[in-house]
Amino acid sequence: MAGLVLKLAPNERILVNGTVIENGDRRAKILIRTPDARILRLRDAIHPDAATTPVARLCYQLQLIVSGDCAIEDGCREALRGIEQLSQIFEDRDSRRILNEATAALIESRAHRAMKLMRDLLPREARLLGLAAP
């Protein structure tokens, strides 16, 4: 069984190729067979107004790539630049690992994986900036 399997909670919304789809009242499992489908769980989405910190802006940039709202080449180039800038700030081993894995994911054209990894840095960034955790 090749493809992406989405397990949706009741009433969960996803964005598929620019179309918002909402699940019904029960849990569902959906198999996406189209390899280039643009899929974003809306519960994971960052509103543009909420992208106020460097990591959040990078997550938002990756979200634009995942949703298809940004050209892949331009978005990846900008995201890699952002990761490089963040590597100047985050010096601990775990953060470095996350940044390295996100870089590798982008090089392999796996923007969704890079976005998921970068979201792991949001709480660390909040601690560094003295903000409430996202």
C-alpha atoms as a PDB file:
ATOM      1  CA  MET A   1       0.000   0.000   0.000  1.00  0.00           C
ATOM      2  CA  ALA A   2       1.950   3.023  -1.292  1.00  0.00           C
ATOM      3  CA  GLY A   3       0.961   6.582  -0.497  1.00  0.00           C
ATOM      4  CA  LEU A   4       0.311   8.856   2.451  1.00  0.00           C
ATOM      5  CA  VAL A   5      -2.098   7.672   5.138  1.00  0.00           C
ATOM      6  CA  LEU A   6      -3.941  10.424   7.003  1.00  0.00           C
ATOM      7  CA  LYS A   7      -5.696   9.583  10.227  1.00  0.00           C
ATOM      8  CA  LEU A   8      -8.221  12.313  10.899  1.00  0.00           C
ATOM      9  CA  ALA A   9      -9.929  13.165  14.146  1.00  0.00           C
ATOM     10  CA  PRO A  10     -13.646  13.992  14.113  1.00  0.00           C
ATOM     11  CA  ASN A  11     -14.256  17.360  12.398  1.00  0.00           C
ATOM     12  CA  GLU A  12     -10.551  17.792  11.611  1.00  0.00           C
ATOM     13  CA  ARG A  13      -9.738  19.973   8.616  1.00  0.00           C
ATOM     14  CA  ILE A  14      -7.023  19.498   6.036  1.00  0.00           C
ATOM     15  CA  LEU A  15      -5.963  21.475   3.011  1.00  0.00           C
ATOM     16  CA  VAL A  16      -5.527  19.314  -0.091  1.00  0.00           C
ATOM     17  CA  ASN A  17      -4.287  21.062  -3.223  1.00  0.00           C
ATOM     18  CA  GLY A  18      -5.848  24.339  -2.102  1.00  0.00           C
ATOM     19  CA  THR A  19      -9.180  22.861  -1.048  1.00  0.00           C
ATOM     20  CA  VAL A  20     -10.259  22.712   2.608  1.00  0.00           C
ATOM     21  CA  ILE A  21     -11.737  19.327   3.494  1.00  0.00           C
ATOM     22  CA  GLU A  22     -13.435  18.659   6.824  1.00  0.00           C
ATOM     23  CA  ASN A  23     -13.855  15.205   8.302  1.00  0.00           C
ATOM     24  CA  GLY A  24     -17.251  14.112   9.626  1.00  0.00           C
ATOM     25  CA  ASP A  25     -18.233  13.182  13.167  1.00  0.00           C
ATOM     26  CA  ARG A  26     -16.104  10.016  13.303  1.00  0.00           C
ATOM     27  CA  ARG A  27     -12.426   9.260  13.032  1.00  0.00           C
ATOM     28  CA  ALA A  28     -11.326   8.496   9.493  1.00  0.00           C
ATOM     29  CA  LYS A  29      -8.353   7.065   7.699  1.00  0.00           C
ATOM     30  CA  ILE A  30      -7.672   8.338   4.192  1.00  0.00           C
ATOM     31  CA  LEU A  31      -5.060   7.052   1.760  1.00  0.00           C
ATOM     32  CA  ILE A  32      -3.616   9.691  -0.588  1.00  0.00           C
ATOM     33  CA  ARG A  33      -2.146   7.958  -3.620  1.00  0.00           C
ATOM     34  CA  THR A  34      -1.117  11.008  -5.659  1.00  0.00           C
ATOM     35  CA  PRO A  35       2.581  11.532  -4.883  1.00  0.00           C
ATOM     36  CA  ASP A  36       2.656  15.310  -5.500  1.00  0.00           C
ATOM     37  CA  ALA A  37      -0.512  16.211  -3.595  1.00  0.00           C
ATOM     38  CA  ARG A  38      -0.179  19.312  -1.419  1.00  0.00           C
ATOM     39  CA  ILE A  39      -1.558  18.393   2.011  1.00  0.00           C
ATOM     40  CA  LEU A  40      -1.538  20.451   5.205  1.00  0.00           C
ATOM     41  CA  ARG A  41      -3.305  19.668   8.459  1.00  0.00           C
ATOM     42  CA  LEU A  42      -4.941  22.922   9.426  1.00  0.00           C
ATOM     43  CA  ARG A  43      -4.388  22.210  13.120  1.00  0.00           C
ATOM     44  CA  ASP A  44      -0.654  22.451  12.342  1.00  0.00           C
ATOM     45  CA  ALA A  45      -0.974  25.637  10.292  1.00  0.00           C
ATOM     46  CA  ILE A  46       0.489  28.910  11.509  1.00  0.00           C
ATOM     47  CA  HIS A  47      -1.505  32.063  10.788  1.00  0.00           C
ATOM     48  CA  PRO A  48       0.633  34.717   9.038  1.00  0.00           C
ATOM     49  CA  ASP A  49      -0.014  37.154  11.912  1.00  0.00           C
ATOM     50  CA  ALA A  50       1.373  34.594  14.380  1.00  0.00           C
ATOM     51  CA  ALA A  51       4.670  34.244  12.505  1.00  0.00           C
ATOM     52  CA  THR A  52       6.395  36.902  14.610  1.00  0.00           C
ATOM     53  CA  THR A  53       9.605  35.124  15.603  1.00  0.00           C
ATOM     54  CA  PRO A  54      12.429  33.725  13.449  1.00  0.00           C
ATOM     55  CA  VAL A  55      11.446  30.065  13.954  1.00  0.00           C
ATOM     56  CA  ALA A  56       7.729  30.795  13.447  1.00  0.00           C
ATOM     57  CA  ARG A  57       8.512  32.712  10.238  1.00  0.00           C
ATOM     58  CA  LEU A  58      10.555  29.764   8.997  1.00  0.00           C
ATOM     59  CA  CYS A  59       7.739  27.355   9.890  1.00  0.00           C
ATOM     60  CA  TYR A  60       5.332  29.603   7.989  1.00  0.00           C
ATOM     61  CA  GLN A  61       7.672  29.647   4.968  1.00  0.00           C
ATOM     62  CA  LEU A  62       7.801  25.843   5.020  1.00  0.00           C
ATOM     63  CA  GLN A  63       4.012  25.761   5.368  1.00  0.00           C
ATOM     64  CA  LEU A  64       3.723  27.811   2.165  1.00  0.00           C
ATOM     65  CA  ILE A  65       5.874  25.248   0.366  1.00  0.00           C
ATOM     66  CA  VAL A  66       3.820  22.333   1.747  1.00  0.00           C
ATOM     67  CA  SER A  67       0.502  23.948   0.810  1.00  0.00           C
ATOM     68  CA  GLY A  68       1.716  24.846  -2.689  1.00  0.00           C
ATOM     69  CA  ASP A  69       1.373  28.601  -2.115  1.00  0.00           C
ATOM     70  CA  CYS A  70       5.070  29.154  -2.810  1.00  0.00           C
ATOM     71  CA  ALA A  71       7.361  27.961  -5.587  1.00  0.00           C
ATOM     72  CA  ILE A  72       9.343  25.008  -4.267  1.00  0.00           C
ATOM     73  CA  GLU A  73      12.739  26.236  -5.496  1.00  0.00           C
ATOM     74  CA  ASP A  74      12.333  29.768  -4.129  1.00  0.00           C
ATOM     75  CA  GLY A  75      10.780  28.568  -0.877  1.00  0.00           C
ATOM     76  CA  CYS A  76      13.478  25.979  -0.242  1.00  0.00           C
ATOM     77  CA  ARG A  77      16.235  28.477  -0.968  1.00  0.00           C
ATOM     78  CA  GLU A  78      14.715  30.962   1.494  1.00  0.00           C
ATOM     79  CA  ALA A  79      14.100  28.236   4.095  1.00  0.00           C
ATOM     80  CA  LEU A  80      17.687  26.992   3.854  1.00  0.00           C
ATOM     81  CA  ARG A  81      18.876  30.563   4.372  1.00  0.00           C
ATOM     82  CA  GLY A  82      16.640  30.780   7.464  1.00  0.00           C
ATOM     83  CA  ILE A  83      17.984  27.514   8.847  1.00  0.00           C
ATOM     84  CA  GLU A  84      21.527  28.777   8.343  1.00  0.00           C
ATOM     85  CA  GLN A  85      20.690  31.932  10.310  1.00  0.00           C
ATOM     86  CA  LEU A  86      19.087  29.904  13.107  1.00  0.00           C
ATOM     87  CA  SER A  87      22.158  27.680  13.335  1.00  0.00           C
ATOM     88  CA  GLN A  88      24.028  30.790  14.519  1.00  0.00           C
ATOM     89  CA  ILE A  89      21.640  31.042  17.509  1.00  0.00           C
ATOM     90  CA  PHE A  90      20.787  27.466  18.511  1.00  0.00           C
ATOM     91  CA  GLU A  91      24.003  25.885  19.718  1.00  0.00           C
ATOM     92  CA  ASP A  92      22.779  22.942  21.810  1.00  0.00           C
ATOM     93  CA  ARG A  93      23.117  19.412  20.450  1.00  0.00           C
ATOM     94  CA  ASP A  94      19.373  18.692  20.034  1.00  0.00           C
ATOM     95  CA  SER A  95      18.714  21.948  18.203  1.00  0.00           C
ATOM     96  CA  ARG A  96      21.691  21.343  15.910  1.00  0.00           C
ATOM     97  CA  ARG A  97      20.361  17.864  15.136  1.00  0.00           C
ATOM     98  CA  ILE A  98      16.937  19.311  14.288  1.00  0.00           C
ATOM     99  CA  LEU A  99      18.466  21.980  12.050  1.00  0.00           C
ATOM    100  CA  ASN A 100      20.675  19.415  10.289  1.00  0.00           C
ATOM    101  CA  GLU A 101      17.757  17.050   9.726  1.00  0.00           C
ATOM    102  CA  ALA A 102      15.574  19.899   8.444  1.00  0.00           C
ATOM    103  CA  THR A 103      18.330  20.904   6.015  1.00  0.00           C
ATOM    104  CA  ALA A 104      18.632  17.329   4.763  1.00  0.00           C
ATOM    105  CA  ALA A 105      14.844  17.083   4.387  1.00  0.00           C
ATOM    106  CA  LEU A 106      14.744  20.251   2.277  1.00  0.00           C
ATOM    107  CA  ILE A 107      17.603  19.044   0.094  1.00  0.00           C
ATOM    108  CA  GLU A 108      15.566  15.856  -0.462  1.00  0.00           C
ATOM    109  CA  SER A 109      12.460  17.987  -1.305  1.00  0.00           C
ATOM    110  CA  ARG A 110      10.663  16.871   1.872  1.00  0.00           C
ATOM    111  CA  ALA A 111       9.318  20.230   3.032  1.00  0.00           C
ATOM    112  CA  HIS A 112       6.630  18.613   5.198  1.00  0.00           C
ATOM    113  CA  ARG A 113       9.303  16.771   7.212  1.00  0.00           C
ATOM    114  CA  ALA A 114      11.341  19.971   7.538  1.00  0.00           C
ATOM    115  CA  MET A 115       8.248  21.838   8.765  1.00  0.00           C
ATOM    116  CA  LYS A 116       7.534  19.172  11.370  1.00  0.00           C
ATOM    117  CA  LEU A 117      11.135  19.292  12.598  1.00  0.00           C
ATOM    118  CA  MET A 118      11.209  23.077  12.809  1.00  0.00           C
ATOM    119  CA  ARG A 119       8.000  23.116  14.859  1.00  0.00           C
ATOM    120  CA  ASP A 120      10.009  21.260  17.530  1.00  0.00           C
ATOM    121  CA  LEU A 121      12.156  24.386  17.914  1.00  0.00           C
ATOM    122  CA  LEU A 122       9.202  26.679  18.701  1.00  0.00           C
ATOM    123  CA  PRO A 123       9.156  25.909  22.470  1.00  0.00           C
ATOM    124  CA  ARG A 124      12.948  26.309  22.676  1.00  0.00           C
ATOM    125  CA  GLU A 125      12.741  29.647  20.919  1.00  0.00           C
ATOM    126  CA  ALA A 126       9.969  30.759  23.273  1.00  0.00           C
ATOM    127  CA  ARG A 127      12.195  29.933  26.262  1.00  0.00           C
ATOM    128  CA  LEU A 128      15.127  31.849  24.759  1.00  0.00           C
ATOM    129  CA  LEU A 129      12.946  34.881  24.064  1.00  0.00           C
ATOM    130  CA  GLY A 130      11.078  34.662  27.363  1.00  0.00           C
ATOM    131  CA  LEU A 131       7.720  34.148  25.622  1.00  0.00           C
ATOM    132  CA  ALA A 132       4.812  31.890  26.473  1.00  0.00           C
ATOM    133  CA  ALA A 133       5.255  28.490  24.805  1.00  0.00           C
ATOM    134  CA  PRO A 134       3.222  28.055  21.583  1.00  0.00           C
END
